[in-house]
C-alpha cells in the first residue's frame, strides 16, 4: 500500500502549483520594482556602477558650483545696473525762438543726464547770420553756471517723469520733447 494515496498527492500537487504561481507573481513584482529603482537611480547618475552616496556627493558639488555661479551673476547684474544708472539716458529738448524776428523755433536747449542728475545741457542759439552753441555741465541736477529758463525747463523735464515727480533711480529710458 502506498504511503500517500492519490487524492493526497493531487491536493499536494495543487498546493505546490498555487505556491509556485504565488512565488512567480512575487518574483515578477520584485523584478518590476527593481527595474523602477534602477531607472530612478540611472536618472541620478550617469552610470549604473555608482552608489547613491557618490551620486549625492556629485549633486551637492554641482549645487555648490551653481550657487557660486548665481552669486557671480548677481554681482555682474548689480554692476550692470550701476552702469545703467550712470548712463546718460534721460533726455529732454526745449525748442524756442531766441529772437523775436526769427520764427520756426530753430534754437534749442537739450538736457542729457543720468539717473543721478549728472550730465550736460547743450544749447544752440540760431540767429539770421550766425549760430552759437553752448554746453554746461550738470552735477546732481544743478549747474555751477547760470542756466537760462529754457535750459532749466529742459533739465527739469529730463530729471522728472511724465507725472512731474522726480524720477526714481531705476526708470527705463525716456526721451521727450519738452517744448
N, C-alpha and C. Protein backbone atom coordinates (compact mmCIF):
# COMPACT_ATOMS: atom_id res chain seq x y z
N UNK A 1 0.82 -1.16 0.00
CA UNK A 1 0.00 0.00 0.00
C UNK A 1 0.89 1.25 0.00
N UNK A 2 0.51 2.17 -0.82
CA UNK A 2 1.34 3.36 -0.89
C UNK A 2 1.23 4.18 0.39
N UNK A 3 2.26 4.94 0.65
CA UNK A 3 2.32 5.74 1.86
C UNK A 3 1.33 6.91 1.76
N UNK A 4 1.20 7.46 0.57
CA UNK A 4 0.29 8.58 0.35
C UNK A 4 -0.66 8.17 -0.77
N UNK A 5 -1.92 8.36 -0.54
CA UNK A 5 -2.88 7.97 -1.57
C UNK A 5 -2.96 9.04 -2.66
N UNK A 6 -3.69 8.79 -3.72
CA UNK A 6 -3.74 9.63 -4.91
C UNK A 6 -4.41 10.96 -4.63
N UNK A 7 -5.44 11.00 -3.83
CA UNK A 7 -6.13 12.26 -3.55
C UNK A 7 -5.23 13.21 -2.76
N UNK A 8 -4.43 12.66 -1.86
CA UNK A 8 -3.50 13.49 -1.09
C UNK A 8 -2.42 14.04 -2.02
N UNK A 9 -1.94 13.19 -2.93
CA UNK A 9 -0.92 13.63 -3.89
C UNK A 9 -1.49 14.73 -4.80
N UNK A 10 -2.73 14.60 -5.19
CA UNK A 10 -3.36 15.60 -6.04
C UNK A 10 -3.48 16.92 -5.29
N UNK A 11 -3.90 16.85 -4.06
CA UNK A 11 -4.04 18.06 -3.24
C UNK A 11 -2.68 18.71 -3.03
N UNK A 12 -1.68 17.89 -2.75
CA UNK A 12 -0.32 18.40 -2.56
C UNK A 12 0.21 19.03 -3.84
N UNK A 13 -0.07 18.43 -4.98
CA UNK A 13 0.39 18.95 -6.27
C UNK A 13 -0.30 20.28 -6.57
N UNK A 14 -1.61 20.36 -6.27
CA UNK A 14 -2.33 21.61 -6.47
C UNK A 14 -1.79 22.70 -5.54
N UNK A 15 -1.53 22.36 -4.28
CA UNK A 15 -0.99 23.33 -3.33
C UNK A 15 0.39 23.80 -3.78
N UNK A 16 1.21 22.88 -4.27
CA UNK A 16 2.55 23.24 -4.75
C UNK A 16 2.43 24.14 -5.97
N UNK A 17 1.47 23.88 -6.84
CA UNK A 17 1.26 24.73 -8.02
C UNK A 17 0.84 26.13 -7.63
N UNK A 18 -0.06 26.24 -6.63
CA UNK A 18 -0.51 27.55 -6.16
C UNK A 18 0.66 28.31 -5.54
N UNK A 19 1.47 27.61 -4.73
CA UNK A 19 2.65 28.24 -4.12
C UNK A 19 3.62 28.69 -5.21
N UNK A 20 3.80 27.86 -6.26
CA UNK A 20 4.71 28.22 -7.36
C UNK A 20 4.20 29.44 -8.10
N UNK A 21 2.87 29.51 -8.36
CA UNK A 21 2.30 30.68 -9.03
C UNK A 21 2.44 31.93 -8.17
N UNK A 22 2.21 31.78 -6.86
CA UNK A 22 2.37 32.89 -5.93
C UNK A 22 3.82 33.37 -5.92
N UNK A 23 4.76 32.44 -5.90
CA UNK A 23 6.18 32.79 -5.93
C UNK A 23 6.54 33.48 -7.24
N UNK A 24 5.98 33.00 -8.34
CA UNK A 24 6.22 33.62 -9.63
C UNK A 24 5.69 35.06 -9.66
N UNK A 25 4.47 35.26 -9.13
CA UNK A 25 3.88 36.61 -9.09
C UNK A 25 4.74 37.54 -8.23
N UNK A 26 5.20 37.06 -7.08
CA UNK A 26 6.08 37.87 -6.22
C UNK A 26 7.39 38.19 -6.92
N UNK A 27 7.94 37.23 -7.64
CA UNK A 27 9.20 37.45 -8.36
C UNK A 27 9.03 38.50 -9.46
N UNK A 28 7.91 38.43 -10.20
CA UNK A 28 7.66 39.43 -11.25
C UNK A 28 7.48 40.81 -10.62
N UNK A 29 6.74 40.89 -9.52
CA UNK A 29 6.56 42.18 -8.83
C UNK A 29 7.88 42.75 -8.34
N UNK A 30 8.71 41.88 -7.76
CA UNK A 30 10.02 42.33 -7.29
C UNK A 30 10.89 42.81 -8.45
N UNK A 31 10.82 42.09 -9.57
CA UNK A 31 11.60 42.47 -10.76
C UNK A 31 11.15 43.83 -11.29
N UNK A 32 9.84 44.08 -11.29
CA UNK A 32 9.33 45.37 -11.77
C UNK A 32 9.78 46.51 -10.85
N UNK A 33 9.71 46.27 -9.52
CA UNK A 33 10.17 47.30 -8.57
C UNK A 33 11.66 47.55 -8.73
N UNK A 34 12.43 46.50 -8.92
CA UNK A 34 13.88 46.65 -9.11
C UNK A 34 14.17 47.44 -10.38
N UNK A 35 13.43 47.18 -11.45
CA UNK A 35 13.62 47.93 -12.70
C UNK A 35 13.30 49.40 -12.49
N UNK A 36 12.24 49.71 -11.73
CA UNK A 36 11.88 51.10 -11.43
C UNK A 36 12.98 51.79 -10.62
N UNK A 37 13.51 51.10 -9.61
CA UNK A 37 14.59 51.67 -8.78
C UNK A 37 15.83 51.90 -9.64
N UNK A 38 16.16 50.96 -10.52
CA UNK A 38 17.33 51.13 -11.40
C UNK A 38 17.13 52.33 -12.34
N UNK A 39 15.92 52.48 -12.86
CA UNK A 39 15.63 53.60 -13.75
C UNK A 39 15.77 54.93 -12.99
N UNK A 40 15.23 54.98 -11.77
CA UNK A 40 15.36 56.19 -10.96
C UNK A 40 16.82 56.47 -10.61
N UNK A 41 17.56 55.42 -10.31
CA UNK A 41 18.97 55.56 -9.97
C UNK A 41 19.76 56.02 -11.19
N UNK A 42 19.42 55.51 -12.35
CA UNK A 42 20.11 55.92 -13.58
C UNK A 42 19.86 57.39 -13.86
N UNK A 43 18.68 57.91 -13.47
CA UNK A 43 18.40 59.33 -13.66
C UNK A 43 19.29 60.19 -12.77
N UNK A 44 19.69 59.67 -11.62
CA UNK A 44 20.56 60.42 -10.72
C UNK A 44 22.00 60.46 -11.19
N UNK A 45 22.50 59.36 -11.66
CA UNK A 45 23.90 59.28 -12.06
C UNK A 45 24.03 58.92 -13.52
N UNK A 46 25.25 59.07 -14.06
CA UNK A 46 25.47 58.78 -15.47
C UNK A 46 25.60 57.29 -15.75
N UNK A 47 26.08 56.56 -14.77
CA UNK A 47 26.26 55.13 -15.00
C UNK A 47 25.62 54.34 -13.85
N UNK A 48 25.45 53.05 -14.04
CA UNK A 48 24.81 52.24 -13.02
C UNK A 48 25.80 51.71 -11.99
N UNK A 49 27.09 52.03 -12.15
CA UNK A 49 28.11 51.48 -11.25
C UNK A 49 28.34 52.37 -10.03
N UNK A 50 27.72 53.55 -9.98
CA UNK A 50 27.93 54.50 -8.89
C UNK A 50 26.94 54.22 -7.77
N UNK A 51 27.42 54.30 -6.53
CA UNK A 51 26.50 54.10 -5.41
C UNK A 51 25.78 55.42 -5.10
N UNK A 52 24.72 55.34 -4.32
CA UNK A 52 23.86 56.50 -4.05
C UNK A 52 24.61 57.60 -3.30
N UNK A 53 25.55 57.24 -2.44
CA UNK A 53 26.31 58.25 -1.70
C UNK A 53 27.17 59.08 -2.65
N UNK A 54 27.78 58.43 -3.64
CA UNK A 54 28.60 59.15 -4.60
C UNK A 54 27.73 60.05 -5.48
N UNK A 55 26.55 59.56 -5.84
CA UNK A 55 25.63 60.38 -6.63
C UNK A 55 25.22 61.61 -5.83
N UNK A 56 24.89 61.43 -4.57
CA UNK A 56 24.50 62.56 -3.71
C UNK A 56 25.64 63.55 -3.57
N UNK A 57 26.87 63.06 -3.40
CA UNK A 57 28.03 63.96 -3.29
C UNK A 57 28.23 64.74 -4.58
N UNK A 58 28.06 64.08 -5.72
CA UNK A 58 28.21 64.75 -7.01
C UNK A 58 27.14 65.83 -7.17
N UNK A 59 25.91 65.52 -6.79
CA UNK A 59 24.84 66.50 -6.89
C UNK A 59 25.10 67.69 -5.97
N UNK A 60 25.60 67.44 -4.77
CA UNK A 60 25.93 68.54 -3.85
C UNK A 60 27.02 69.41 -4.45
N UNK A 61 28.01 68.79 -5.08
CA UNK A 61 29.09 69.56 -5.71
C UNK A 61 28.53 70.42 -6.84
N UNK A 62 27.63 69.86 -7.64
CA UNK A 62 27.01 70.63 -8.72
C UNK A 62 26.20 71.80 -8.16
N UNK A 63 25.47 71.57 -7.09
CA UNK A 63 24.68 72.63 -6.47
C UNK A 63 25.60 73.73 -5.94
N UNK A 64 26.72 73.36 -5.32
CA UNK A 64 27.68 74.35 -4.84
C UNK A 64 28.22 75.20 -5.98
N UNK A 65 28.56 74.55 -7.12
CA UNK A 65 29.07 75.29 -8.28
C UNK A 65 27.99 76.22 -8.83
N UNK A 66 26.75 75.75 -8.89
CA UNK A 66 25.67 76.59 -9.39
C UNK A 66 25.41 77.78 -8.46
N UNK A 67 25.50 77.54 -7.15
CA UNK A 67 25.31 78.62 -6.19
C UNK A 67 26.38 79.69 -6.37
N UNK A 68 27.61 79.26 -6.56
CA UNK A 68 28.71 80.21 -6.79
C UNK A 68 28.48 80.98 -8.09
N UNK A 69 28.01 80.29 -9.12
CA UNK A 69 27.74 80.95 -10.41
C UNK A 69 26.61 81.96 -10.28
N UNK A 70 25.55 81.62 -9.55
CA UNK A 70 24.44 82.55 -9.34
C UNK A 70 24.92 83.78 -8.58
N UNK A 71 25.75 83.59 -7.57
CA UNK A 71 26.30 84.72 -6.82
C UNK A 71 27.12 85.62 -7.73
N UNK A 72 27.96 85.00 -8.59
CA UNK A 72 28.77 85.78 -9.52
C UNK A 72 27.88 86.55 -10.49
N UNK A 73 26.82 85.92 -10.98
CA UNK A 73 25.91 86.59 -11.91
C UNK A 73 25.15 87.72 -11.23
N UNK A 74 24.78 87.54 -9.98
CA UNK A 74 24.10 88.63 -9.25
C UNK A 74 25.01 89.84 -9.12
N UNK A 75 26.29 89.60 -8.83
CA UNK A 75 27.25 90.71 -8.74
C UNK A 75 27.39 91.39 -10.10
N UNK A 76 27.41 90.58 -11.17
CA UNK A 76 27.52 91.13 -12.52
C UNK A 76 26.29 91.98 -12.86
N UNK A 77 25.10 91.51 -12.50
CA UNK A 77 23.87 92.26 -12.76
C UNK A 77 23.87 93.56 -11.95
N UNK A 78 24.31 93.50 -10.69
CA UNK A 78 24.36 94.72 -9.87
C UNK A 78 25.32 95.73 -10.49
N UNK A 79 26.44 95.27 -11.00
CA UNK A 79 27.39 96.15 -11.67
C UNK A 79 26.78 96.75 -12.92
N UNK A 80 26.06 95.94 -13.68
CA UNK A 80 25.40 96.45 -14.89
C UNK A 80 24.32 97.47 -14.54
N UNK A 81 23.59 97.23 -13.45
CA UNK A 81 22.57 98.20 -13.01
C UNK A 81 23.22 99.53 -12.64
N UNK A 82 24.38 99.47 -11.97
CA UNK A 82 25.10 100.70 -11.64
C UNK A 82 25.52 101.43 -12.91
N UNK A 83 26.00 100.68 -13.90
CA UNK A 83 26.40 101.28 -15.17
C UNK A 83 25.22 101.95 -15.86
N UNK A 84 24.06 101.30 -15.82
CA UNK A 84 22.87 101.87 -16.45
C UNK A 84 22.45 103.15 -15.74
N UNK A 85 22.50 103.15 -14.41
CA UNK A 85 22.13 104.36 -13.67
C UNK A 85 23.05 105.53 -14.03
N UNK A 86 24.30 105.22 -14.37
CA UNK A 86 25.26 106.28 -14.69
C UNK A 86 25.28 106.62 -16.17
N UNK A 87 24.48 105.92 -16.97
CA UNK A 87 24.45 106.23 -18.40
C UNK A 87 23.59 107.46 -18.64
N UNK A 88 23.95 108.23 -19.65
CA UNK A 88 23.21 109.43 -19.98
C UNK A 88 22.00 109.02 -20.81
N UNK A 89 20.91 108.67 -20.12
CA UNK A 89 19.76 108.11 -20.81
C UNK A 89 18.49 108.93 -20.65
N UNK A 90 18.53 109.98 -19.85
CA UNK A 90 17.36 110.82 -19.65
C UNK A 90 17.56 112.10 -20.46
N UNK A 91 16.75 112.25 -21.49
CA UNK A 91 16.95 113.33 -22.46
C UNK A 91 15.66 114.14 -22.60
N UNK A 92 15.82 115.47 -22.67
CA UNK A 92 14.68 116.34 -22.96
C UNK A 92 15.18 117.50 -23.81
N UNK A 93 14.35 117.94 -24.76
CA UNK A 93 14.70 119.04 -25.66
C UNK A 93 13.61 120.10 -25.57
N UNK A 94 14.04 121.36 -25.46
CA UNK A 94 13.12 122.50 -25.50
C UNK A 94 13.51 123.32 -26.72
N UNK A 95 12.56 123.48 -27.63
CA UNK A 95 12.79 124.28 -28.84
C UNK A 95 12.10 125.63 -28.63
N UNK A 96 12.75 126.70 -29.15
CA UNK A 96 12.20 128.05 -28.94
C UNK A 96 12.77 129.00 -29.98
N UNK A 97 12.14 130.16 -30.05
CA UNK A 97 12.65 131.25 -30.88
C UNK A 97 13.48 132.15 -29.98
N UNK A 98 14.77 132.22 -30.21
CA UNK A 98 15.67 133.02 -29.37
C UNK A 98 15.49 134.50 -29.62
N UNK A 99 15.10 134.86 -30.82
CA UNK A 99 14.94 136.26 -31.18
C UNK A 99 13.55 136.46 -31.75
N UNK A 100 12.96 137.60 -31.46
CA UNK A 100 11.59 137.87 -31.89
C UNK A 100 11.42 137.91 -33.39
N UNK A 101 12.47 138.30 -34.14
CA UNK A 101 12.33 138.42 -35.59
C UNK A 101 12.55 137.10 -36.32
N UNK A 102 12.89 136.04 -35.57
CA UNK A 102 13.14 134.72 -36.16
C UNK A 102 11.98 133.79 -35.80
N UNK A 103 11.50 133.04 -36.75
CA UNK A 103 10.45 132.07 -36.49
C UNK A 103 10.98 130.65 -36.68
N UNK A 104 10.12 129.69 -36.46
CA UNK A 104 10.46 128.29 -36.73
C UNK A 104 11.07 127.54 -35.57
N UNK A 105 11.22 128.22 -34.46
CA UNK A 105 11.78 127.57 -33.26
C UNK A 105 13.06 126.79 -33.60
N UNK A 106 14.02 127.47 -34.18
CA UNK A 106 15.27 126.84 -34.60
C UNK A 106 16.29 126.73 -33.48
N UNK A 107 16.11 127.50 -32.41
CA UNK A 107 17.02 127.40 -31.27
C UNK A 107 16.52 126.28 -30.36
N UNK A 108 17.44 125.67 -29.61
CA UNK A 108 17.02 124.59 -28.71
C UNK A 108 17.98 124.50 -27.52
N UNK A 109 17.47 123.90 -26.45
CA UNK A 109 18.27 123.51 -25.29
C UNK A 109 17.96 122.04 -25.04
N UNK A 110 19.01 121.23 -24.92
CA UNK A 110 18.85 119.79 -24.70
C UNK A 110 19.57 119.41 -23.41
N UNK A 111 18.86 118.74 -22.53
CA UNK A 111 19.45 118.23 -21.29
C UNK A 111 19.63 116.73 -21.45
N UNK A 112 20.84 116.25 -21.15
CA UNK A 112 21.15 114.82 -21.24
C UNK A 112 21.80 114.45 -19.91
N UNK A 113 21.07 113.70 -19.07
CA UNK A 113 21.55 113.39 -17.73
C UNK A 113 21.34 111.92 -17.40
N UNK A 114 22.07 111.45 -16.37
CA UNK A 114 21.88 110.09 -15.88
C UNK A 114 20.83 110.10 -14.77
N UNK A 115 20.61 108.97 -14.13
CA UNK A 115 19.58 108.88 -13.10
C UNK A 115 19.89 109.70 -11.86
N UNK A 116 21.15 110.07 -11.68
CA UNK A 116 21.54 110.88 -10.52
C UNK A 116 21.51 112.37 -10.83
N UNK A 117 21.17 112.72 -12.07
CA UNK A 117 21.11 114.13 -12.45
C UNK A 117 22.44 114.69 -12.91
N UNK A 118 23.40 113.84 -13.21
CA UNK A 118 24.70 114.28 -13.71
C UNK A 118 24.69 114.19 -15.23
N UNK A 119 25.22 115.22 -15.89
CA UNK A 119 25.25 115.19 -17.35
C UNK A 119 25.62 116.53 -17.93
N UNK A 120 24.85 116.92 -18.97
CA UNK A 120 25.18 118.13 -19.71
C UNK A 120 23.91 118.75 -20.26
N UNK A 121 23.95 120.11 -20.40
CA UNK A 121 22.90 120.84 -21.11
C UNK A 121 23.59 121.51 -22.29
N UNK A 122 23.05 121.25 -23.47
CA UNK A 122 23.59 121.85 -24.69
C UNK A 122 22.52 122.77 -25.25
N UNK A 123 22.94 124.02 -25.55
CA UNK A 123 22.01 124.98 -26.14
C UNK A 123 22.59 125.50 -27.44
N UNK A 124 21.72 125.66 -28.41
CA UNK A 124 22.11 126.23 -29.70
C UNK A 124 21.19 127.40 -29.97
N UNK A 125 21.79 128.58 -30.11
CA UNK A 125 21.04 129.80 -30.37
C UNK A 125 21.22 130.12 -31.85
N UNK A 126 20.09 130.13 -32.57
CA UNK A 126 20.13 130.35 -34.01
C UNK A 126 19.66 131.77 -34.32
N UNK A 127 20.50 132.52 -35.03
CA UNK A 127 20.15 133.87 -35.49
C UNK A 127 20.27 133.88 -37.01
N UNK A 128 19.90 135.00 -37.62
CA UNK A 128 19.94 135.07 -39.08
C UNK A 128 21.33 134.83 -39.62
N UNK A 129 22.32 135.46 -39.06
CA UNK A 129 23.66 135.39 -39.62
C UNK A 129 24.60 134.44 -38.92
N UNK A 130 24.20 133.89 -37.82
CA UNK A 130 25.10 133.01 -37.09
C UNK A 130 24.33 132.06 -36.18
N UNK A 131 25.07 131.09 -35.69
CA UNK A 131 24.50 130.13 -34.74
C UNK A 131 25.57 129.87 -33.68
N UNK A 132 25.18 129.93 -32.44
CA UNK A 132 26.12 129.68 -31.34
C UNK A 132 25.66 128.49 -30.52
N UNK A 133 26.63 127.71 -30.07
CA UNK A 133 26.33 126.52 -29.28
C UNK A 133 27.05 126.62 -27.95
N UNK A 134 26.33 126.28 -26.88
CA UNK A 134 26.88 126.34 -25.53
C UNK A 134 26.66 124.99 -24.84
N UNK A 135 27.62 124.61 -24.02
CA UNK A 135 27.48 123.38 -23.23
C UNK A 135 27.76 123.72 -21.77
N UNK A 136 26.91 123.20 -20.89
CA UNK A 136 27.06 123.46 -19.45
C UNK A 136 26.96 122.13 -18.71
N UNK A 137 27.91 121.88 -17.85
CA UNK A 137 27.93 120.66 -17.07
C UNK A 137 26.89 120.66 -15.97
N UNK A 138 26.34 119.50 -15.70
CA UNK A 138 25.31 119.33 -14.66
C UNK A 138 25.78 118.26 -13.68
N UNK A 139 25.75 118.59 -12.40
CA UNK A 139 26.10 117.63 -11.35
C UNK A 139 24.99 117.65 -10.31
N UNK A 140 24.37 116.50 -10.10
CA UNK A 140 23.30 116.40 -9.10
C UNK A 140 22.09 117.25 -9.45
N UNK A 141 21.86 117.51 -10.74
CA UNK A 141 20.69 118.27 -11.16
C UNK A 141 20.88 119.76 -11.16
N UNK A 142 22.08 120.24 -10.85
CA UNK A 142 22.35 121.68 -10.85
C UNK A 142 23.64 121.96 -11.60
N UNK A 143 23.79 123.23 -11.99
CA UNK A 143 24.98 123.65 -12.72
C UNK A 143 25.66 124.78 -11.97
N UNK A 144 26.98 124.83 -12.06
CA UNK A 144 27.71 125.94 -11.45
C UNK A 144 27.59 127.19 -12.31
N UNK A 145 27.16 127.03 -13.55
CA UNK A 145 26.94 128.14 -14.48
C UNK A 145 25.43 128.40 -14.52
N UNK A 146 25.06 129.67 -14.53
CA UNK A 146 23.64 130.03 -14.55
C UNK A 146 22.97 129.47 -15.80
N UNK A 147 21.83 128.81 -15.60
CA UNK A 147 21.07 128.23 -16.70
C UNK A 147 19.98 129.19 -17.15
N UNK A 148 19.74 129.25 -18.45
CA UNK A 148 18.64 130.06 -18.97
C UNK A 148 17.33 129.38 -18.61
N UNK A 149 16.21 130.09 -18.73
CA UNK A 149 14.92 129.45 -18.44
C UNK A 149 14.66 128.21 -19.31
N UNK A 150 15.06 128.27 -20.59
CA UNK A 150 14.86 127.13 -21.48
C UNK A 150 15.74 125.94 -21.04
N UNK A 151 16.96 126.22 -20.63
CA UNK A 151 17.85 125.16 -20.14
C UNK A 151 17.30 124.56 -18.85
N UNK A 152 16.77 125.41 -17.97
CA UNK A 152 16.16 124.91 -16.73
C UNK A 152 14.95 124.03 -17.04
N UNK A 153 14.15 124.43 -18.03
CA UNK A 153 12.99 123.63 -18.42
C UNK A 153 13.41 122.28 -18.97
N UNK A 154 14.44 122.27 -19.82
CA UNK A 154 14.92 121.01 -20.39
C UNK A 154 15.47 120.10 -19.28
N UNK A 155 16.23 120.69 -18.36
CA UNK A 155 16.79 119.91 -17.26
C UNK A 155 15.69 119.36 -16.37
N UNK A 156 14.70 120.18 -16.06
CA UNK A 156 13.58 119.72 -15.22
C UNK A 156 12.83 118.58 -15.91
N UNK A 157 12.63 118.69 -17.23
CA UNK A 157 11.92 117.63 -17.95
C UNK A 157 12.74 116.35 -18.01
N UNK A 158 14.05 116.47 -18.14
CA UNK A 158 14.89 115.27 -18.22
C UNK A 158 14.99 114.55 -16.88
N UNK A 159 14.86 115.28 -15.79
CA UNK A 159 15.01 114.65 -14.47
C UNK A 159 13.69 114.30 -13.81
N UNK A 160 12.58 114.52 -14.52
CA UNK A 160 11.26 114.17 -13.97
C UNK A 160 10.54 113.24 -14.94
N UNK A 161 9.64 112.41 -14.38
CA UNK A 161 8.85 111.54 -15.25
C UNK A 161 7.62 112.31 -15.75
N UNK A 162 6.73 111.63 -16.47
CA UNK A 162 5.60 112.29 -17.09
C UNK A 162 4.64 112.92 -16.09
N UNK A 163 4.56 112.38 -14.87
CA UNK A 163 3.63 112.93 -13.89
C UNK A 163 4.19 114.15 -13.18
N UNK A 164 5.44 114.50 -13.46
CA UNK A 164 6.03 115.69 -12.85
C UNK A 164 6.77 115.41 -11.55
N UNK A 165 6.88 114.15 -11.15
CA UNK A 165 7.60 113.83 -9.94
C UNK A 165 9.04 113.45 -10.28
N UNK A 166 9.90 113.56 -9.28
CA UNK A 166 11.32 113.23 -9.51
C UNK A 166 11.43 111.78 -9.94
N UNK A 167 12.28 111.56 -10.91
CA UNK A 167 12.46 110.22 -11.49
C UNK A 167 13.17 109.31 -10.49
N UNK A 168 12.64 108.09 -10.26
CA UNK A 168 13.35 107.13 -9.41
C UNK A 168 14.63 106.67 -10.10
N UNK A 169 15.50 106.06 -9.32
CA UNK A 169 16.83 105.67 -9.84
C UNK A 169 16.77 104.57 -10.88
N UNK A 170 15.68 103.82 -11.01
CA UNK A 170 15.64 102.70 -11.96
C UNK A 170 14.46 102.82 -12.91
N UNK A 171 14.43 103.87 -13.70
CA UNK A 171 13.37 104.04 -14.66
C UNK A 171 13.89 103.75 -16.05
N UNK A 172 13.08 103.22 -16.96
CA UNK A 172 13.56 102.97 -18.32
C UNK A 172 13.86 104.28 -19.05
N UNK A 173 14.56 104.16 -20.16
CA UNK A 173 14.93 105.34 -20.93
C UNK A 173 13.72 106.17 -21.29
N UNK A 174 13.88 107.50 -21.24
CA UNK A 174 12.81 108.41 -21.61
C UNK A 174 13.44 109.52 -22.46
N UNK A 175 12.91 109.70 -23.64
CA UNK A 175 13.33 110.81 -24.49
C UNK A 175 12.06 111.54 -24.89
N UNK A 176 12.02 112.86 -24.62
CA UNK A 176 10.80 113.60 -24.91
C UNK A 176 11.13 115.01 -25.37
N UNK A 177 10.18 115.59 -26.05
CA UNK A 177 10.28 116.98 -26.50
C UNK A 177 9.49 117.81 -25.49
N UNK A 178 10.18 118.63 -24.70
CA UNK A 178 9.53 119.36 -23.60
C UNK A 178 8.98 120.70 -24.05
N UNK A 179 9.10 121.04 -25.34
CA UNK A 179 8.62 122.36 -25.77
C UNK A 179 7.14 122.37 -26.05
